[in-house]
Protein backbone atom coordinates (compact mmCIF):
# COMPACT_ATOMS: atom_id res chain seq x y z
CA MET A 1 -135.16 24.70 129.25
CA ASN A 2 -138.14 25.04 131.12
CA HIS A 3 -139.89 28.33 131.05
CA LEU A 4 -141.75 30.22 133.76
CA SER A 5 -142.05 34.07 133.34
CA TRP A 6 -141.42 36.52 136.44
CA LEU A 7 -145.02 37.80 135.96
CA GLU A 8 -146.26 34.30 136.04
CA ALA A 9 -144.36 33.54 139.27
CA VAL A 10 -145.40 36.55 141.04
CA VAL A 11 -149.12 36.30 140.12
CA VAL A 12 -149.59 32.64 140.65
CA GLY A 13 -147.31 32.63 143.79
CA THR A 14 -149.35 35.25 145.50
CA MET A 15 -152.66 33.71 144.33
CA GLN A 16 -151.28 30.18 145.56
CA GLY A 17 -150.61 31.59 149.10
CA VAL A 18 -154.14 33.31 149.53
CA SER A 19 -156.27 30.49 147.92
CA GLU A 20 -154.58 27.74 149.69
CA LEU A 21 -155.98 28.71 153.13
CA PHE A 22 -159.15 30.58 151.91
CA PRO A 23 -161.96 28.02 151.32
CA VAL A 24 -161.79 28.54 147.49
CA SER A 25 -159.14 25.84 146.32
CA SER A 26 -155.73 26.73 145.42
CA LEU A 27 -155.32 23.83 143.01
CA GLY A 28 -158.56 24.80 141.29
CA HIS A 29 -157.32 28.36 140.78
CA SER A 30 -153.85 26.85 139.68
CA VAL A 31 -155.74 25.21 136.88
CA LEU A 32 -158.29 27.83 135.96
CA LEU A 33 -156.22 31.00 135.84
CA PRO A 34 -153.81 29.92 133.16
CA ALA A 35 -156.68 28.69 131.05
CA VAL A 36 -158.66 31.84 131.37
CA VAL A 37 -155.49 34.03 130.30
CA GLY A 38 -154.67 31.55 127.64
CA GLY A 39 -151.56 31.91 125.41
CA SER A 40 -148.23 31.18 126.92
CA TRP A 41 -149.71 30.91 130.41
CA ALA A 42 -151.79 27.97 129.44
CA ARG A 43 -148.73 26.31 127.90
CA ASP A 44 -146.36 27.15 130.85
CA LEU A 45 -148.73 26.52 133.65
CA ASP A 46 -150.41 23.21 132.77
CA VAL A 47 -150.92 21.25 136.01
CA SER A 48 -152.25 18.07 134.23
CA ALA A 49 -149.02 17.45 132.17
CA PRO A 50 -147.22 14.53 133.52
CA GLU A 51 -143.81 16.14 133.40
CA SER A 52 -144.85 19.88 133.60
CA PRO A 53 -142.27 22.27 135.19
CA TYR A 54 -145.31 24.01 136.81
CA LEU A 55 -145.38 21.07 139.36
CA ALA A 56 -141.93 22.30 140.47
CA PHE A 57 -143.36 25.74 141.09
CA ILE A 58 -146.29 24.33 143.02
CA VAL A 59 -143.80 22.18 145.12
CA GLY A 60 -142.15 25.41 146.23
CA THR A 61 -145.35 27.36 146.99
CA HIS A 62 -146.74 24.39 148.94
CA VAL A 63 -143.69 24.17 151.24
CA ALA A 64 -143.85 28.03 151.66
CA THR A 65 -147.67 27.68 152.57
CA ALA A 66 -147.13 25.05 155.08
CA LEU A 67 -144.16 26.93 156.83
CA ALA A 68 -146.49 30.04 157.07
CA LEU A 69 -149.06 27.85 158.91
CA VAL A 70 -146.25 26.43 161.06
CA LEU A 71 -145.14 30.01 161.78
CA PHE A 72 -148.67 31.27 162.74
CA TYR A 73 -149.45 28.14 164.96
CA ARG A 74 -145.78 27.83 166.29
CA ARG A 75 -146.73 28.04 169.82
CA ASP A 76 -149.58 25.49 169.49
CA TRP A 77 -147.51 23.03 167.64
CA VAL A 78 -144.67 23.24 170.24
CA ARG A 79 -147.41 22.52 172.84
CA LEU A 80 -149.06 19.82 170.89
CA ILE A 81 -145.72 18.07 169.89
CA ALA A 82 -144.65 18.00 173.48
CA GLY A 83 -148.11 16.45 174.29
CA PHE A 84 -147.41 13.73 171.65
CA PHE A 85 -144.02 12.82 173.26
CA THR A 86 -145.53 12.91 176.66
CA SER A 87 -148.40 10.51 175.58
CA LEU A 88 -145.72 8.30 174.26
CA ARG A 89 -143.60 8.31 177.46
CA ARG A 90 -146.72 7.52 179.63
CA ARG A 91 -148.17 5.20 177.17
CA GLY A 92 -151.48 6.95 177.59
CA ILE A 93 -153.66 10.08 176.65
CA ALA A 94 -154.39 12.24 179.75
CA THR A 95 -154.37 15.94 178.75
CA PRO A 96 -156.41 17.87 176.09
CA ASP A 97 -153.04 18.44 174.10
CA GLU A 98 -152.25 14.81 174.06
CA ARG A 99 -155.74 13.93 172.87
CA LEU A 100 -155.86 16.57 170.18
CA ILE A 101 -152.38 15.67 168.63
CA TRP A 102 -153.41 12.07 168.44
CA GLN A 103 -156.79 13.20 166.69
CA LEU A 104 -154.76 15.13 164.10
CA ILE A 105 -152.62 12.10 163.49
CA VAL A 106 -155.77 9.92 162.97
CA GLY A 107 -157.43 12.54 160.86
CA THR A 108 -154.34 12.91 158.47
CA ILE A 109 -154.02 9.17 157.59
CA PRO A 110 -156.74 8.71 155.09
CA VAL A 111 -155.83 11.78 152.87
CA GLY A 112 -152.10 10.93 153.35
CA PHE A 113 -152.74 7.41 151.93
CA VAL A 114 -154.93 8.30 149.15
CA GLY A 115 -152.85 11.21 148.09
CA LEU A 116 -149.75 9.02 147.82
CA VAL A 117 -151.66 6.37 145.81
CA PHE A 118 -153.99 8.45 143.53
CA GLU A 119 -152.51 12.00 143.41
CA HIS A 120 -150.80 11.56 139.94
CA TRP A 121 -154.04 9.98 138.47
CA LEU A 122 -156.31 12.56 139.86
CA ARG A 123 -154.01 15.27 138.71
CA THR A 124 -153.41 14.24 135.22
CA HIS A 125 -157.22 13.31 134.63
CA LEU A 126 -159.01 15.95 136.66
CA GLY A 127 -156.49 18.79 136.54
CA ARG A 128 -158.15 20.20 133.52
CA PRO A 129 -160.22 23.59 133.13
CA VAL A 130 -163.73 22.25 132.92
CA PRO A 131 -163.62 19.70 135.68
CA ALA A 132 -161.89 22.26 137.92
CA ALA A 133 -164.62 24.90 137.14
CA CYS A 134 -167.32 22.20 138.00
CA PHE A 135 -165.67 21.28 141.21
CA LEU A 136 -165.39 24.91 142.20
CA MET A 137 -168.94 25.37 141.92
CA VAL A 138 -169.54 22.26 143.95
CA ASN A 139 -167.32 23.77 146.48
CA GLY A 140 -169.42 26.83 146.56
CA LEU A 141 -172.47 24.70 147.23
CA ILE A 142 -170.82 23.00 150.05
CA LEU A 143 -169.94 26.12 151.72
CA LEU A 144 -173.47 27.70 151.28
CA GLY A 145 -175.10 24.28 152.33
CA ILE A 146 -173.16 24.16 155.68
CA GLU A 147 -173.93 27.73 156.39
CA TRP A 148 -177.59 27.04 155.76
CA TYR A 149 -177.26 23.99 158.16
CA ALA A 150 -175.43 25.81 160.87
CA ALA A 151 -178.17 28.61 160.81
CA ARG A 152 -180.70 25.92 161.67
CA SER A 153 -178.52 23.76 163.96
CA PRO A 154 -176.26 26.13 166.06
CA ALA A 155 -173.11 24.28 167.62
CA THR A 156 -173.28 23.47 171.19
CA GLU A 157 -170.57 25.25 173.25
CA THR A 158 -169.45 22.82 175.94
CA ILE A 159 -166.70 25.05 177.14
CA PRO A 160 -167.36 28.65 177.50
CA ALA A 161 -165.17 30.91 175.03
CA VAL A 162 -162.86 33.25 176.79
CA GLU A 163 -162.95 36.99 176.15
CA ALA A 164 -160.63 38.30 173.33
CA GLY A 165 -157.30 38.97 175.03
CA ASP A 166 -154.21 36.88 175.31
CA PRO A 167 -154.09 34.61 172.23
CA ASP A 168 -152.31 31.79 173.77
CA GLU A 169 -155.20 31.52 176.40
CA ASP A 170 -157.48 31.62 173.57
CA SER A 171 -155.77 28.77 171.58
CA VAL A 172 -155.34 26.63 174.66
CA THR A 173 -159.10 27.02 175.29
CA ALA A 174 -160.07 26.40 171.60
CA ASP A 175 -157.83 23.21 171.72
CA ALA A 176 -159.64 21.92 174.81
CA ARG A 177 -162.93 22.28 173.07
CA LEU A 178 -161.48 20.43 170.03
CA SER A 179 -160.00 17.64 172.16
CA GLN A 180 -163.67 16.71 173.34
CA MET A 181 -164.42 15.29 169.99
CA SER A 182 -164.57 11.66 169.60
CA PHE A 183 -161.75 10.06 167.53
CA GLY A 184 -164.32 8.72 164.98
CA ARG A 185 -165.30 12.39 164.33
CA ALA A 186 -161.76 13.50 163.95
CA LEU A 187 -161.24 10.74 161.44
CA ALA A 188 -164.38 11.60 159.60
CA ILE A 189 -163.43 15.39 159.43
CA GLY A 190 -159.79 14.41 158.22
CA SER A 191 -161.19 11.98 155.57
CA VAL A 192 -163.20 14.70 153.81
CA GLN A 193 -159.78 16.21 152.81
CA ILE A 194 -159.63 13.55 150.20
CA LEU A 195 -162.14 15.34 148.19
CA ALA A 196 -159.66 18.37 147.82
CA LEU A 197 -157.38 16.08 145.77
CA GLY A 198 -159.84 17.09 142.98
CA PRO A 199 -159.12 20.74 141.69
CA GLY A 200 -161.77 23.10 142.70
CA ILE A 201 -162.64 21.55 146.14
CA SER A 202 -160.99 23.36 148.97
CA ARG A 203 -159.19 21.33 151.70
CA SER A 204 -159.89 23.91 154.26
CA GLY A 205 -163.40 24.59 153.07
CA VAL A 206 -164.61 20.89 153.23
CA ALA A 207 -162.75 20.07 156.54
CA THR A 208 -164.36 23.32 158.09
CA ALA A 209 -167.85 22.20 156.64
CA ALA A 210 -167.40 18.67 158.15
CA GLY A 211 -166.46 20.04 161.39
CA MET A 212 -169.46 22.56 161.53
CA ARG A 213 -171.53 19.48 160.50
CA ALA A 214 -170.02 17.50 163.49
CA GLY A 215 -171.04 20.38 165.91
CA LEU A 216 -168.06 22.40 166.16
CA ARG A 217 -168.25 26.26 166.41
CA ARG A 218 -167.22 27.85 162.95
CA GLU A 219 -163.96 29.14 164.38
CA ASP A 220 -163.11 25.98 165.81
CA ALA A 221 -163.78 24.01 162.80
CA VAL A 222 -161.56 26.48 160.91
CA ARG A 223 -158.77 26.08 163.30
CA PHE A 224 -159.06 22.31 163.21
CA SER A 225 -158.90 22.42 159.47
CA PHE A 226 -155.81 24.53 159.47
CA LEU A 227 -154.08 22.29 162.13
CA LEU A 228 -155.04 19.16 159.99
CA ALA A 229 -153.74 20.87 156.70
CA THR A 230 -150.36 21.66 157.95
CA PRO A 231 -148.76 18.38 157.91
CA VAL A 232 -150.65 17.32 154.73
CA ILE A 233 -149.43 20.38 152.88
CA LEU A 234 -146.00 20.16 154.20
CA ALA A 235 -145.67 16.51 153.50
CA ALA A 236 -146.91 16.80 150.03
CA GLY A 237 -144.46 19.51 149.37
CA VAL A 238 -141.52 17.68 150.84
CA LEU A 239 -142.32 14.46 149.02
CA LYS A 240 -142.17 16.42 145.75
CA LEU A 241 -139.06 18.27 146.39
CA PRO A 242 -137.01 16.20 144.02
CA ASP A 243 -139.08 17.49 141.35
CA LEU A 244 -138.07 20.95 142.18
CA PHE A 245 -134.23 20.01 142.40
CA GLY A 246 -134.39 17.71 139.52
CA PRO A 247 -134.82 18.38 135.65
CA LEU A 248 -138.23 20.00 136.16
CA GLY A 249 -136.72 22.72 138.17
CA ASP A 250 -133.94 23.51 135.71
CA GLY A 251 -134.29 27.14 134.45
CA ILE A 252 -137.01 28.29 136.80
CA ARG A 253 -135.62 27.99 140.28
CA PRO A 254 -135.26 31.95 140.79
CA GLN A 255 -138.83 32.32 139.77
CA VAL A 256 -139.87 29.47 142.10
CA LEU A 257 -137.95 31.22 145.04
CA VAL A 258 -139.86 34.44 144.35
CA GLY A 259 -143.29 32.91 143.91
CA SER A 260 -142.70 30.76 146.94
CA LEU A 261 -141.77 33.70 149.16
CA LEU A 262 -144.92 35.52 148.03
CA ALA A 263 -146.97 32.50 148.58
CA GLY A 264 -145.75 32.16 152.17
CA ILE A 265 -146.43 35.98 152.95
CA GLY A 266 -149.82 35.46 151.25
CA ALA A 267 -150.77 32.43 153.36
CA TYR A 268 -149.63 34.03 156.63
CA ILE A 269 -151.81 37.11 155.98
CA SER A 270 -154.62 34.91 154.82
CA VAL A 271 -154.60 32.75 157.93
CA ARG A 272 -154.24 35.66 160.39
CA TRP A 273 -157.14 37.46 158.49
CA LEU A 274 -159.53 34.40 158.13
CA THR A 275 -159.16 33.15 161.82
CA ARG A 276 -160.35 36.55 162.90
CA TRP A 277 -163.12 36.86 160.25
CA VAL A 278 -164.95 33.73 161.20
CA HIS A 279 -165.55 34.94 164.62
CA THR A 280 -168.12 37.30 163.32
CA ASN A 281 -168.83 36.36 159.76
CA THR A 282 -169.85 33.35 157.68
CA LEU A 283 -168.44 31.46 154.83
CA ARG A 284 -171.16 32.46 152.41
CA PRO A 285 -169.21 35.18 150.53
CA PHE A 286 -166.61 32.48 149.52
CA GLY A 287 -169.52 30.07 148.59
CA TRP A 288 -171.05 32.82 146.26
CA TYR A 289 -167.63 33.53 144.88
CA CYS A 290 -166.97 30.03 143.90
CA LEU A 291 -170.37 29.52 142.27
CA ALA A 292 -169.93 32.67 140.34
CA ALA A 293 -166.17 31.95 139.30
CA GLY A 294 -166.97 28.38 138.18
CA ALA A 295 -170.05 29.41 136.32
CA ALA A 296 -168.23 32.26 134.56
CA CYS A 297 -165.24 29.93 133.63
CA LEU A 298 -167.61 27.44 132.17
CA VAL A 299 -169.26 30.10 130.05
CA LEU A 300 -165.87 31.39 128.88
CA PHE A 301 -164.51 27.95 127.96
CA THR A 302 -167.79 27.25 126.08
CA VAL A 303 -167.88 30.29 123.91
CA ARG A 304 -164.13 30.65 123.37
């Protein structure tokens, strides 16, 4: 019978929910935390093992994280999905919502294809502590680098921002700005999510960095990265649900349920907090954290 303790489920579930949306890589933390703790944690929570029950746990937390994103952006997704069907009916793209939903579709295709083909190989070959620590440091350099670039090349605002007030009005205005991107830029921003298949590279972090490099304001880049991530995370979780309901889930489903609930709560709080934080703050603290945590893990693995 598979084993996953209640403490492991609570700690990792909470960590998964928070780190999935913060630009610090949930997969990297899912690899590094068990290795740092060692003992039964390293045995129970080995993501690189081909038939690890830990995979069933991660499936549940991914689905919960995606549902938290859907809940947070529920009004926006209703509006965007309506735009999708309207554009199909008219066989054309006329409104910002119609344009943005197709940009999201185009941006999701590359990572979806690569994930389906190479996810298993990448996880089993790179889902180990030392590569994860190295990738986490690279992630930190990406975040610090994009902030260095942004300080010298401020984004041009083509549509004036509204004052803080009605959140629906803010989101509509933000989406109008995002829809002005070319489809080529949307594809490029979405494609960098492929890097996040390596543990330690944050999906939201690299997509936000790519968006800022393409000229988006930081808060718009974060928003676009979360909208891009929602279908990717949800699809990845749903496609792996047979693992949870199959033999890999035997004996640990109650722990998966608790861990997933905590992951969903953590993800909702994280996205709510981060979308406000980036209006007046930079991503530098996350970059320095990734550099410090990755370096500390490498030192620990070397001397242990």
